[in-house]
Amino acid sequence: MSNGYWQIKRQTERLGSGGTRTQKIEAYCKIWESRCYEQGIPDSVPAKLAKTSRVPSWQAVALCILKNDLEFRGLGFGREDSALVEQIYSKARKEKSGQIDLI
């Protein structure tokens, strides 16, 4: 039912690179409205819930803007890595785990 959205660990969403702040905020609203906030995001939430990023609020959006958080990492969005970076990380993981490529 919840698809893991209510886990204790901090959730990160993959938002495409680029885009304006307005587009990112609209994506944030759409994500949370699709989960369980059909009537809109609340203005503020208790501080303990706000720190876990498990509940959306306009207060969190305002804090990200005031902190000049361009990628909205405070809202749970992560940066999308390029294909080259993914190749480097996968190669490093293989070397660390001891796997080798035969072909």
Protein backbone atom coordinates (compact mmCIF):
# COMPACT_ATOMS: atom_id res chain seq x y z
CA MET A 1 0.00 0.00 0.00
CA SER A 2 2.66 2.54 0.95
CA ASN A 3 5.35 1.16 -1.42
CA GLY A 4 8.10 1.94 1.07
CA TYR A 5 7.48 5.70 1.29
CA TRP A 6 7.18 5.60 5.06
CA GLN A 7 10.55 4.04 5.79
CA ILE A 8 12.83 5.55 8.39
CA LYS A 9 15.67 6.26 5.97
CA ARG A 10 15.58 9.53 4.05
CA GLN A 11 13.97 9.13 0.65
CA THR A 12 15.56 10.57 -2.48
CA GLU A 13 13.77 11.04 -5.76
CA ARG A 14 15.37 11.11 -9.18
CA LEU A 15 14.52 14.39 -10.81
CA GLY A 16 15.84 15.02 -14.29
CA SER A 17 18.74 17.38 -14.64
CA GLY A 18 17.94 20.96 -15.49
CA GLY A 19 14.62 22.64 -15.09
CA THR A 20 13.61 25.70 -13.17
CA ARG A 21 12.81 25.89 -9.51
CA THR A 22 9.14 26.22 -10.38
CA GLN A 23 9.23 22.98 -12.37
CA LYS A 24 10.96 21.18 -9.52
CA ILE A 25 8.42 22.44 -6.97
CA GLU A 26 5.58 21.35 -9.26
CA ALA A 27 7.16 17.89 -9.53
CA TYR A 28 7.44 17.77 -5.71
CA CYS A 29 3.74 18.62 -5.38
CA LYS A 30 2.71 16.04 -7.99
CA ILE A 31 4.70 13.30 -6.29
CA TRP A 32 3.14 13.94 -2.90
CA GLU A 33 -0.37 14.45 -4.31
CA SER A 34 -0.11 11.10 -6.06
CA ARG A 35 0.88 9.44 -2.77
CA CYS A 36 -1.79 10.61 -0.35
CA TYR A 37 -2.17 14.42 -0.31
CA GLU A 38 -4.89 14.90 -2.94
CA GLN A 39 -6.22 18.03 -1.22
CA GLY A 40 -2.88 19.81 -1.19
CA ILE A 41 0.31 20.02 0.80
CA PRO A 42 0.04 21.48 4.34
CA ASP A 43 1.71 24.79 5.19
CA SER A 44 3.73 23.39 8.10
CA VAL A 45 4.24 20.15 10.00
CA PRO A 46 5.76 19.27 13.40
CA ALA A 47 9.54 19.66 13.53
CA LYS A 48 10.23 15.95 14.14
CA LEU A 49 8.34 14.95 11.01
CA ALA A 50 9.90 17.73 8.94
CA LYS A 51 13.43 16.48 9.71
CA THR A 52 12.66 13.00 8.38
CA SER A 53 11.32 14.27 5.02
CA ARG A 54 8.43 11.82 5.28
CA VAL A 55 5.80 14.56 5.23
CA PRO A 56 5.63 17.39 2.67
CA SER A 57 5.15 21.04 3.63
CA TRP A 58 5.41 24.45 2.04
CA GLN A 59 7.64 25.43 4.93
CA ALA A 60 10.24 22.89 3.71
CA VAL A 61 10.04 24.37 0.20
CA ALA A 62 10.56 27.87 1.56
CA LEU A 63 13.56 26.76 3.64
CA CYS A 64 15.19 25.19 0.57
CA ILE A 65 14.73 28.42 -1.37
CA LEU A 66 16.13 30.51 1.49
CA LYS A 67 19.14 28.19 1.81
CA ASN A 68 19.72 28.53 -1.97
CA ASP A 69 19.42 24.77 -2.36
CA LEU A 70 19.25 24.75 -6.18
CA GLU A 71 18.74 21.01 -6.53
CA PHE A 72 16.22 20.79 -3.66
CA ARG A 73 18.16 18.11 -1.82
CA GLY A 74 16.43 19.26 1.36
CA LEU A 75 13.15 18.09 -0.17
CA GLY A 76 14.59 14.68 -0.94
CA PHE A 77 15.55 15.14 -4.57
CA GLY A 78 18.88 13.76 -5.70
CA ARG A 79 21.08 14.68 -8.59
CA GLU A 80 20.91 12.46 -11.65
CA ASP A 81 24.36 11.17 -12.60
CA SER A 82 25.58 10.96 -16.17
CA ALA A 83 26.18 7.65 -17.95
CA LEU A 84 29.96 8.06 -17.58
CA VAL A 85 29.68 8.47 -13.82
CA GLU A 86 27.46 5.38 -13.61
CA GLN A 87 30.09 3.36 -15.55
CA ILE A 88 32.86 4.50 -13.21
CA TYR A 89 30.83 3.63 -10.11
CA SER A 90 29.82 0.22 -11.47
CA LYS A 91 33.46 -0.58 -12.34
CA ALA A 92 34.56 0.45 -8.84
CA ARG A 93 31.83 -1.71 -7.28
CA LYS A 94 32.91 -4.71 -9.35
CA GLU A 95 36.55 -4.25 -8.36
CA LYS A 96 35.61 -3.91 -4.72
CA SER A 97 33.44 -7.04 -4.78
CA GLY A 98 36.10 -9.08 -6.61
CA GLN A 99 34.07 -9.73 -9.78
CA ILE A 100 35.87 -9.85 -13.09
CA ASP A 101 34.60 -9.45 -16.65
CA LEU A 102 35.32 -12.42 -18.90
CA ILE A 103 34.15 -10.80 -22.10
